[in-house]
Amino acid sequence: MAEPIATIRKNVLSEEDKRKAALDQLAADLAEREAALKQTLELVQELHDSGILEAAQAMLKAKADIAKIVVGQTARKPVTHMINNLMGAAGAFSEMDPELTKKLAGSLSAGLEEAKEHLQSPKKTRILDLMKAMNDPDINRAIGFGIRFLKGVGKGLKEQ
């Protein structure tokens, strides 16, 4: 009969064996990802050649100073007003119908083109021209839109 095992020997690796195993694993990983590693090295070289890498390093070293400047600048009244205005405008735009906004932007562009053409002609606009223009369906539509737009703005100002 065999003798029972009385002691268990644990295979303890020396520091040299650990380093060798780590290097072997690293070499296997590098061989497996050779193409990606080459691209990464090329990218780093391009960043170095263009000076971007050096600038990024300098920014990282000065991150505390940069953060202090950024916080100081964003705490200024004009910047906080701008941020609040942007947030208010974003809120207003989120309530608008995107199709109507797109149509209005296109109409505005077409109107600017018409106005540009008018600026290039020396013809004066007279009172009679304004009265005739009221019969033009496009002008009538724009004036009606403008009047109702102004009415809505007025109502909105009254509520606040």
N, C-alpha and C. Protein backbone atom coordinates (compact mmCIF):
# COMPACT_ATOMS: atom_id res chain seq x y z
N MET A 1 0.81 -1.17 0.00
CA MET A 1 0.00 0.00 0.00
C MET A 1 0.86 1.25 0.00
N ALA A 2 0.30 2.30 -0.64
CA ALA A 2 1.06 3.54 -0.73
C ALA A 2 0.92 4.31 0.57
N GLU A 3 1.91 5.10 0.80
CA GLU A 3 1.93 5.92 1.99
C GLU A 3 1.09 7.18 1.78
N PRO A 4 0.29 7.63 2.72
CA PRO A 4 -0.51 8.85 2.53
C PRO A 4 0.39 10.09 2.44
N ILE A 5 -0.12 11.09 1.69
CA ILE A 5 0.65 12.33 1.52
C ILE A 5 0.52 13.12 2.81
N ALA A 6 1.67 13.45 3.35
CA ALA A 6 1.68 14.16 4.63
C ALA A 6 1.90 15.66 4.43
N THR A 7 2.61 16.02 3.41
CA THR A 7 2.88 17.45 3.19
C THR A 7 2.55 17.79 1.74
N ILE A 8 2.09 19.01 1.57
CA ILE A 8 1.79 19.49 0.21
C ILE A 8 2.84 20.54 -0.12
N ARG A 9 3.50 20.30 -1.23
CA ARG A 9 4.53 21.25 -1.64
C ARG A 9 3.92 22.27 -2.60
N LYS A 10 4.04 23.49 -2.18
CA LYS A 10 3.54 24.57 -3.03
C LYS A 10 4.68 25.04 -3.91
N ASN A 11 4.40 25.13 -5.23
CA ASN A 11 5.43 25.55 -6.17
C ASN A 11 5.50 27.08 -6.13
N VAL A 12 6.47 27.61 -5.43
CA VAL A 12 6.64 29.05 -5.28
C VAL A 12 7.62 29.53 -6.34
N LEU A 13 7.16 30.50 -7.15
CA LEU A 13 8.01 31.04 -8.20
C LEU A 13 8.92 32.12 -7.64
N SER A 14 10.12 32.12 -8.10
CA SER A 14 11.05 33.16 -7.67
C SER A 14 10.73 34.44 -8.46
N GLU A 15 11.32 35.55 -8.03
CA GLU A 15 11.11 36.81 -8.73
C GLU A 15 11.56 36.70 -10.19
N GLU A 16 12.64 36.01 -10.42
CA GLU A 16 13.15 35.83 -11.79
C GLU A 16 12.15 35.04 -12.64
N ASP A 17 11.57 33.98 -12.07
CA ASP A 17 10.59 33.18 -12.80
C ASP A 17 9.32 34.01 -13.09
N LYS A 18 8.90 34.83 -12.11
CA LYS A 18 7.73 35.69 -12.31
C LYS A 18 7.98 36.68 -13.45
N ARG A 19 9.17 37.30 -13.45
CA ARG A 19 9.51 38.25 -14.52
C ARG A 19 9.54 37.57 -15.87
N LYS A 20 10.09 36.36 -15.92
CA LYS A 20 10.18 35.63 -17.19
C LYS A 20 8.78 35.27 -17.70
N ALA A 21 7.90 34.86 -16.80
CA ALA A 21 6.53 34.52 -17.20
C ALA A 21 5.79 35.76 -17.70
N ALA A 22 6.00 36.88 -17.01
CA ALA A 22 5.36 38.13 -17.43
C ALA A 22 5.87 38.56 -18.79
N LEU A 23 7.17 38.45 -19.03
CA LEU A 23 7.75 38.81 -20.33
C LEU A 23 7.24 37.88 -21.43
N ASP A 24 7.11 36.61 -21.13
CA ASP A 24 6.58 35.66 -22.12
C ASP A 24 5.13 36.01 -22.47
N GLN A 25 4.33 36.36 -21.47
CA GLN A 25 2.94 36.73 -21.70
C GLN A 25 2.86 38.02 -22.53
N LEU A 26 3.73 38.98 -22.20
CA LEU A 26 3.76 40.25 -22.93
C LEU A 26 4.16 40.02 -24.39
N ALA A 27 5.15 39.18 -24.62
CA ALA A 27 5.57 38.88 -25.99
C ALA A 27 4.44 38.21 -26.77
N ALA A 28 3.70 37.33 -26.12
CA ALA A 28 2.57 36.67 -26.79
C ALA A 28 1.47 37.69 -27.12
N ASP A 29 1.20 38.60 -26.19
CA ASP A 29 0.19 39.64 -26.43
C ASP A 29 0.62 40.57 -27.57
N LEU A 30 1.89 40.94 -27.61
CA LEU A 30 2.38 41.81 -28.67
C LEU A 30 2.29 41.13 -30.03
N ALA A 31 2.64 39.87 -30.07
CA ALA A 31 2.58 39.14 -31.34
C ALA A 31 1.14 39.01 -31.82
N GLU A 32 0.22 38.87 -30.88
CA GLU A 32 -1.20 38.72 -31.22
C GLU A 32 -1.80 40.02 -31.74
N ARG A 33 -1.28 41.15 -31.26
CA ARG A 33 -1.84 42.46 -31.62
C ARG A 33 -0.83 43.31 -32.39
N GLU A 34 -0.07 42.70 -33.25
CA GLU A 34 1.02 43.38 -33.96
C GLU A 34 0.51 44.55 -34.81
N ALA A 35 -0.54 44.36 -35.58
CA ALA A 35 -1.04 45.41 -36.48
C ALA A 35 -1.53 46.62 -35.68
N ALA A 36 -2.28 46.37 -34.62
CA ALA A 36 -2.80 47.46 -33.80
C ALA A 36 -1.65 48.21 -33.13
N LEU A 37 -0.65 47.50 -32.69
CA LEU A 37 0.49 48.12 -32.04
C LEU A 37 1.25 49.01 -33.02
N LYS A 38 1.43 48.54 -34.25
CA LYS A 38 2.13 49.33 -35.26
C LYS A 38 1.36 50.62 -35.54
N GLN A 39 0.04 50.52 -35.67
CA GLN A 39 -0.78 51.71 -35.92
C GLN A 39 -0.69 52.69 -34.75
N THR A 40 -0.69 52.17 -33.54
CA THR A 40 -0.59 53.01 -32.35
C THR A 40 0.74 53.74 -32.33
N LEU A 41 1.80 53.03 -32.65
CA LEU A 41 3.13 53.65 -32.67
C LEU A 41 3.20 54.73 -33.76
N GLU A 42 2.61 54.47 -34.93
CA GLU A 42 2.59 55.47 -35.99
C GLU A 42 1.81 56.71 -35.56
N LEU A 43 0.69 56.50 -34.88
CA LEU A 43 -0.12 57.61 -34.40
C LEU A 43 0.66 58.45 -33.39
N VAL A 44 1.32 57.80 -32.46
CA VAL A 44 2.11 58.51 -31.45
C VAL A 44 3.24 59.28 -32.13
N GLN A 45 3.85 58.70 -33.15
CA GLN A 45 4.92 59.38 -33.87
C GLN A 45 4.40 60.62 -34.58
N GLU A 46 3.23 60.52 -35.21
CA GLU A 46 2.62 61.68 -35.88
C GLU A 46 2.31 62.78 -34.86
N LEU A 47 1.76 62.40 -33.70
CA LEU A 47 1.47 63.38 -32.66
C LEU A 47 2.76 64.05 -32.17
N HIS A 48 3.82 63.28 -32.07
CA HIS A 48 5.11 63.83 -31.65
C HIS A 48 5.66 64.78 -32.71
N ASP A 49 5.61 64.36 -33.97
CA ASP A 49 6.15 65.18 -35.06
C ASP A 49 5.41 66.51 -35.19
N SER A 50 4.10 66.49 -34.97
CA SER A 50 3.30 67.71 -35.13
C SER A 50 3.35 68.61 -33.89
N GLY A 51 3.89 68.13 -32.78
CA GLY A 51 3.98 68.93 -31.57
C GLY A 51 2.78 68.79 -30.65
N ILE A 52 1.78 68.04 -31.10
CA ILE A 52 0.57 67.88 -30.29
C ILE A 52 0.87 67.09 -29.03
N LEU A 53 1.71 66.10 -29.15
CA LEU A 53 2.04 65.26 -27.99
C LEU A 53 2.71 66.09 -26.91
N GLU A 54 3.62 66.96 -27.31
CA GLU A 54 4.32 67.82 -26.36
C GLU A 54 3.33 68.79 -25.69
N ALA A 55 2.42 69.34 -26.49
CA ALA A 55 1.42 70.26 -25.94
C ALA A 55 0.51 69.53 -24.95
N ALA A 56 0.11 68.31 -25.29
CA ALA A 56 -0.75 67.53 -24.40
C ALA A 56 -0.03 67.21 -23.09
N GLN A 57 1.25 66.89 -23.19
CA GLN A 57 2.04 66.62 -21.99
C GLN A 57 2.12 67.85 -21.11
N ALA A 58 2.36 69.01 -21.73
CA ALA A 58 2.45 70.25 -20.96
C ALA A 58 1.12 70.56 -20.29
N MET A 59 0.02 70.31 -21.00
CA MET A 59 -1.30 70.55 -20.41
C MET A 59 -1.54 69.62 -19.23
N LEU A 60 -1.13 68.38 -19.35
CA LEU A 60 -1.32 67.44 -18.24
C LEU A 60 -0.50 67.84 -17.03
N LYS A 61 0.71 68.35 -17.27
CA LYS A 61 1.54 68.78 -16.15
C LYS A 61 0.96 70.01 -15.47
N ALA A 62 0.31 70.86 -16.26
CA ALA A 62 -0.24 72.10 -15.72
C ALA A 62 -1.74 72.01 -15.47
N LYS A 63 -2.26 70.80 -15.29
CA LYS A 63 -3.71 70.62 -15.19
C LYS A 63 -4.33 71.40 -14.03
N ALA A 64 -3.64 71.53 -12.92
CA ALA A 64 -4.20 72.27 -11.78
C ALA A 64 -4.32 73.75 -12.12
N ASP A 65 -3.30 74.30 -12.76
CA ASP A 65 -3.34 75.71 -13.14
C ASP A 65 -4.42 75.96 -14.19
N ILE A 66 -4.53 75.05 -15.17
CA ILE A 66 -5.54 75.19 -16.22
C ILE A 66 -6.94 75.10 -15.63
N ALA A 67 -7.14 74.16 -14.71
CA ALA A 67 -8.45 74.01 -14.07
C ALA A 67 -8.81 75.28 -13.31
N LYS A 68 -7.84 75.88 -12.63
CA LYS A 68 -8.09 77.11 -11.88
C LYS A 68 -8.50 78.24 -12.83
N ILE A 69 -7.85 78.34 -13.98
CA ILE A 69 -8.19 79.37 -14.96
C ILE A 69 -9.58 79.13 -15.52
N VAL A 70 -9.89 77.88 -15.88
CA VAL A 70 -11.20 77.55 -16.45
C VAL A 70 -12.31 77.87 -15.46
N VAL A 71 -12.12 77.48 -14.22
CA VAL A 71 -13.14 77.75 -13.19
C VAL A 71 -13.29 79.25 -12.99
N GLY A 72 -12.18 79.96 -12.99
CA GLY A 72 -12.23 81.41 -12.83
C GLY A 72 -12.97 82.08 -13.98
N GLN A 73 -12.74 81.61 -15.20
CA GLN A 73 -13.40 82.20 -16.36
C GLN A 73 -14.89 81.87 -16.40
N THR A 74 -15.25 80.66 -16.04
CA THR A 74 -16.66 80.28 -16.09
C THR A 74 -17.47 80.93 -14.96
N ALA A 75 -16.81 81.40 -13.93
CA ALA A 75 -17.53 82.04 -12.83
C ALA A 75 -17.82 83.51 -13.12
N ARG A 76 -17.27 84.05 -14.21
CA ARG A 76 -17.53 85.45 -14.56
C ARG A 76 -18.98 85.62 -14.97
N LYS A 77 -19.54 86.82 -14.66
CA LYS A 77 -20.95 87.10 -14.95
C LYS A 77 -21.30 86.91 -16.42
N PRO A 78 -20.53 87.45 -17.38
CA PRO A 78 -20.93 87.27 -18.79
C PRO A 78 -20.99 85.80 -19.20
N VAL A 79 -20.09 84.99 -18.68
CA VAL A 79 -20.08 83.57 -19.04
C VAL A 79 -21.29 82.86 -18.43
N THR A 80 -21.61 83.18 -17.18
CA THR A 80 -22.79 82.53 -16.58
C THR A 80 -24.06 82.98 -17.28
N HIS A 81 -24.11 84.25 -17.70
CA HIS A 81 -25.27 84.72 -18.46
C HIS A 81 -25.37 83.96 -19.79
N MET A 82 -24.23 83.78 -20.45
CA MET A 82 -24.23 83.06 -21.73
C MET A 82 -24.71 81.62 -21.54
N ILE A 83 -24.23 80.96 -20.50
CA ILE A 83 -24.64 79.58 -20.24
C ILE A 83 -26.13 79.52 -19.95
N ASN A 84 -26.63 80.46 -19.14
CA ASN A 84 -28.07 80.49 -18.83
C ASN A 84 -28.88 80.77 -20.09
N ASN A 85 -28.40 81.68 -20.95
CA ASN A 85 -29.10 81.97 -22.20
C ASN A 85 -29.12 80.75 -23.11
N LEU A 86 -28.01 80.06 -23.21
CA LEU A 86 -27.96 78.85 -24.04
C LEU A 86 -28.93 77.79 -23.52
N MET A 87 -28.99 77.64 -22.20
CA MET A 87 -29.91 76.66 -21.63
C MET A 87 -31.35 77.06 -21.89
N GLY A 88 -31.65 78.37 -21.77
CA GLY A 88 -33.00 78.85 -22.05
C GLY A 88 -33.37 78.66 -23.51
N ALA A 89 -32.41 78.96 -24.41
CA ALA A 89 -32.68 78.79 -25.85
C ALA A 89 -32.86 77.31 -26.18
N ALA A 90 -32.07 76.46 -25.56
CA ALA A 90 -32.22 75.02 -25.81
C ALA A 90 -33.58 74.54 -25.33
N GLY A 91 -34.04 75.06 -24.20
CA GLY A 91 -35.36 74.70 -23.71
C GLY A 91 -36.45 75.17 -24.65
N ALA A 92 -36.30 76.39 -25.17
CA ALA A 92 -37.30 76.92 -26.11
C ALA A 92 -37.30 76.12 -27.40
N PHE A 93 -36.12 75.79 -27.91
CA PHE A 93 -36.04 75.01 -29.15
C PHE A 93 -36.60 73.60 -28.96
N SER A 94 -36.47 73.07 -27.76
CA SER A 94 -36.99 71.71 -27.54
C SER A 94 -38.51 71.69 -27.56
N GLU A 95 -39.15 72.84 -27.30
CA GLU A 95 -40.61 72.91 -27.32
C GLU A 95 -41.17 73.15 -28.72
N MET A 96 -40.30 73.57 -29.66
CA MET A 96 -40.76 73.89 -31.02
C MET A 96 -40.86 72.64 -31.88
N ASP A 97 -41.77 72.71 -32.83
CA ASP A 97 -41.94 71.63 -33.80
C ASP A 97 -40.77 71.69 -34.79
N PRO A 98 -39.98 70.63 -34.92
CA PRO A 98 -38.81 70.66 -35.80
C PRO A 98 -39.17 70.93 -37.27
N GLU A 99 -40.29 70.41 -37.72
CA GLU A 99 -40.69 70.63 -39.11
C GLU A 99 -40.99 72.11 -39.36
N LEU A 100 -41.68 72.74 -38.41
CA LEU A 100 -42.00 74.16 -38.55
C LEU A 100 -40.72 75.00 -38.51
N THR A 101 -39.79 74.64 -37.64
CA THR A 101 -38.52 75.36 -37.55
C THR A 101 -37.75 75.23 -38.86
N LYS A 102 -37.74 74.03 -39.43
CA LYS A 102 -37.05 73.81 -40.70
C LYS A 102 -37.70 74.63 -41.82
N LYS A 103 -39.02 74.64 -41.85
CA LYS A 103 -39.75 75.39 -42.87
C LYS A 103 -39.49 76.89 -42.71
N LEU A 104 -39.49 77.36 -41.46
CA LEU A 104 -39.26 78.77 -41.20
C LEU A 104 -37.83 79.18 -41.61
N ALA A 105 -36.85 78.32 -41.33
CA ALA A 105 -35.47 78.61 -41.71
C ALA A 105 -35.33 78.67 -43.23
N GLY A 106 -35.98 77.76 -43.92
CA GLY A 106 -35.95 77.77 -45.38
C GLY A 106 -36.62 79.01 -45.93
N SER A 107 -37.74 79.41 -45.34
CA SER A 107 -38.44 80.62 -45.77
C SER A 107 -37.60 81.86 -45.52
N LEU A 108 -36.91 81.87 -44.41
CA LEU A 108 -36.05 83.01 -44.08
C LEU A 108 -34.93 83.13 -45.11
N SER A 109 -34.37 82.01 -45.50
CA SER A 109 -33.31 82.00 -46.51
C SER A 109 -33.83 82.53 -47.84
N ALA A 110 -35.02 82.07 -48.24
CA ALA A 110 -35.61 82.54 -49.50
C ALA A 110 -35.92 84.03 -49.41
N GLY A 111 -36.39 84.49 -48.27
CA GLY A 111 -36.68 85.90 -48.09
C GLY A 111 -35.43 86.76 -48.18
N LEU A 112 -34.35 86.27 -47.62
CA LEU A 112 -33.09 87.01 -47.70
C LEU A 112 -32.61 87.13 -49.14
N GLU A 113 -32.80 86.08 -49.93
CA GLU A 113 -32.42 86.13 -51.35
C GLU A 113 -33.24 87.18 -52.09
N GLU A 114 -34.56 87.22 -51.83
CA GLU A 114 -35.43 88.22 -52.45
C GLU A 114 -34.99 89.62 -52.05
N ALA A 115 -34.70 89.81 -50.77
CA ALA A 115 -34.28 91.12 -50.28
C ALA A 115 -32.95 91.54 -50.90
N LYS A 116 -32.06 90.60 -51.09
CA LYS A 116 -30.76 90.88 -51.71
C LYS A 116 -30.95 91.37 -53.14
N GLU A 117 -31.87 90.71 -53.86
CA GLU A 117 -32.16 91.14 -55.23
C GLU A 117 -32.71 92.56 -55.25
N HIS A 118 -33.57 92.87 -54.28
CA HIS A 118 -34.17 94.22 -54.21
C HIS A 118 -33.09 95.27 -53.95
N LEU A 119 -32.12 94.95 -53.11
CA LEU A 119 -31.06 95.91 -52.79
C LEU A 119 -30.22 96.26 -54.01
N GLN A 120 -30.16 95.35 -54.96
CA GLN A 120 -29.35 95.59 -56.15
C GLN A 120 -30.08 96.41 -57.21
N SER A 121 -31.39 96.62 -57.04
CA SER A 121 -32.14 97.43 -58.01
C SER A 121 -32.33 98.84 -57.44
N PRO A 122 -32.27 99.84 -58.30
CA PRO A 122 -32.40 101.22 -57.81
C PRO A 122 -33.86 101.66 -57.63
N LYS A 123 -34.81 100.77 -57.86
CA LYS A 123 -36.24 101.11 -57.83
C LYS A 123 -36.68 101.45 -56.40
N LYS A 124 -37.42 102.56 -56.27
CA LYS A 124 -37.95 102.97 -54.97
C LYS A 124 -39.27 102.26 -54.70
N THR A 125 -39.56 102.03 -53.45
CA THR A 125 -40.84 101.45 -53.05
C THR A 125 -41.74 102.60 -52.62
N ARG A 126 -42.92 102.66 -53.24
CA ARG A 126 -43.85 103.76 -52.95
C ARG A 126 -45.07 103.21 -52.22
N ILE A 127 -45.89 104.10 -51.70
CA ILE A 127 -47.09 103.73 -50.95
C ILE A 127 -48.00 102.86 -51.80
N LEU A 128 -48.17 103.22 -53.07
CA LEU A 128 -49.03 102.44 -53.96
C LEU A 128 -48.48 101.02 -54.13
N ASP A 129 -47.13 100.89 -54.17
CA ASP A 129 -46.51 99.55 -54.27
C ASP A 129 -46.85 98.71 -53.03
N LEU A 130 -46.87 99.34 -51.87
CA LEU A 130 -47.22 98.62 -50.64
C LEU A 130 -48.67 98.15 -50.68
N MET A 131 -49.56 98.99 -51.17
CA MET A 131 -50.97 98.61 -51.23
C MET A 131 -51.18 97.48 -52.24
N LYS A 132 -50.48 97.53 -53.37
CA LYS A 132 -50.59 96.46 -54.36
C LYS A 132 -50.02 95.16 -53.80
N ALA A 133 -48.94 95.29 -53.00
CA ALA A 133 -48.28 94.11 -52.45
C ALA A 133 -49.21 93.32 -51.53
N MET A 134 -50.16 94.01 -50.90
CA MET A 134 -51.09 93.32 -50.01
C MET A 134 -51.93 92.29 -50.76
N ASN A 135 -52.10 92.46 -52.07
CA ASN A 135 -52.85 91.49 -52.87
C ASN A 135 -52.03 90.28 -53.27
N ASP A 136 -50.70 90.37 -53.11
CA ASP A 136 -49.82 89.24 -53.42
C ASP A 136 -50.00 88.19 -52.32
N PRO A 137 -50.39 86.94 -52.68
CA PRO A 137 -50.65 85.92 -51.65
C PRO A 137 -49.43 85.62 -50.78
N ASP A 138 -48.22 85.66 -51.36
CA ASP A 138 -47.02 85.37 -50.57
C ASP A 138 -46.78 86.45 -49.52
N ILE A 139 -46.92 87.69 -49.94
CA ILE A 139 -46.72 88.80 -49.00
C ILE A 139 -47.81 88.79 -47.94
N ASN A 140 -49.04 88.56 -48.36
CA ASN A 140 -50.15 88.51 -47.42
C ASN A 140 -49.94 87.41 -46.39
N ARG A 141 -49.46 86.27 -46.84
CA ARG A 141 -49.20 85.14 -45.94
C ARG A 141 -48.11 85.53 -44.93
N ALA A 142 -47.04 86.18 -45.40
CA ALA A 142 -45.93 86.57 -44.52
C ALA A 142 -46.38 87.62 -43.52
N ILE A 143 -47.20 88.59 -43.97
CA ILE A 143 -47.68 89.63 -43.05
C ILE A 143 -48.60 89.01 -42.00
N GLY A 144 -49.49 88.12 -42.42
CA GLY A 144 -50.36 87.44 -41.45
C GLY A 144 -49.55 86.63 -40.45
N PHE A 145 -48.54 85.95 -40.95
CA PHE A 145 -47.67 85.16 -40.07
C PHE A 145 -46.99 86.10 -39.07
N GLY A 146 -46.48 87.22 -39.57
CA GLY A 146 -45.77 88.17 -38.71
C GLY A 146 -46.68 88.76 -37.65
N ILE A 147 -47.90 89.10 -38.04
CA ILE A 147 -48.84 89.69 -37.08
C ILE A 147 -49.17 88.68 -35.98
N ARG A 148 -49.44 87.45 -36.38
CA ARG A 148 -49.77 86.42 -35.37
C ARG A 148 -48.55 86.07 -34.51
N PHE A 149 -47.38 86.10 -35.14
CA PHE A 149 -46.14 85.88 -34.39
C PHE A 149 -45.99 86.95 -33.31
N LEU A 150 -46.17 88.20 -33.70
CA LEU A 150 -46.06 89.30 -32.74
C LEU A 150 -47.11 89.20 -31.65
N LYS A 151 -48.30 88.75 -32.00
CA LYS A 151 -49.37 88.57 -31.01
C LYS A 151 -48.95 87.50 -29.99
N GLY A 152 -48.38 86.39 -30.48
CA GLY A 152 -47.92 85.34 -29.58
C GLY A 152 -46.79 85.81 -28.69
N VAL A 153 -45.87 86.60 -29.24
CA VAL A 153 -44.78 87.14 -28.42
C VAL A 153 -45.36 88.04 -27.33
N GLY A 154 -46.32 88.87 -27.70
CA GLY A 154 -46.96 89.75 -26.73
C GLY A 154 -47.64 88.99 -25.61
N LYS A 155 -48.34 87.90 -25.98
CA LYS A 155 -49.00 87.07 -24.96
C LYS A 155 -47.95 86.46 -24.03
N GLY A 156 -46.86 85.97 -24.64
CA GLY A 156 -45.80 85.37 -23.83
C GLY A 156 -45.16 86.36 -22.88
N LEU A 157 -45.00 87.59 -23.33
CA LEU A 157 -44.43 88.61 -22.45
C LEU A 157 -45.38 89.00 -21.32
N LYS A 158 -46.68 88.97 -21.59
CA LYS A 158 -47.68 89.31 -20.59
C LYS A 158 -47.70 88.25 -19.48
N GLU A 159 -47.54 86.98 -19.84
CA GLU A 159 -47.60 85.88 -18.86
C GLU A 159 -46.42 85.93 -17.90
N GLN A 160 -45.31 86.47 -18.33
CA GLN A 160 -44.14 86.50 -17.47
C GLN A 160 -44.20 87.73 -16.61
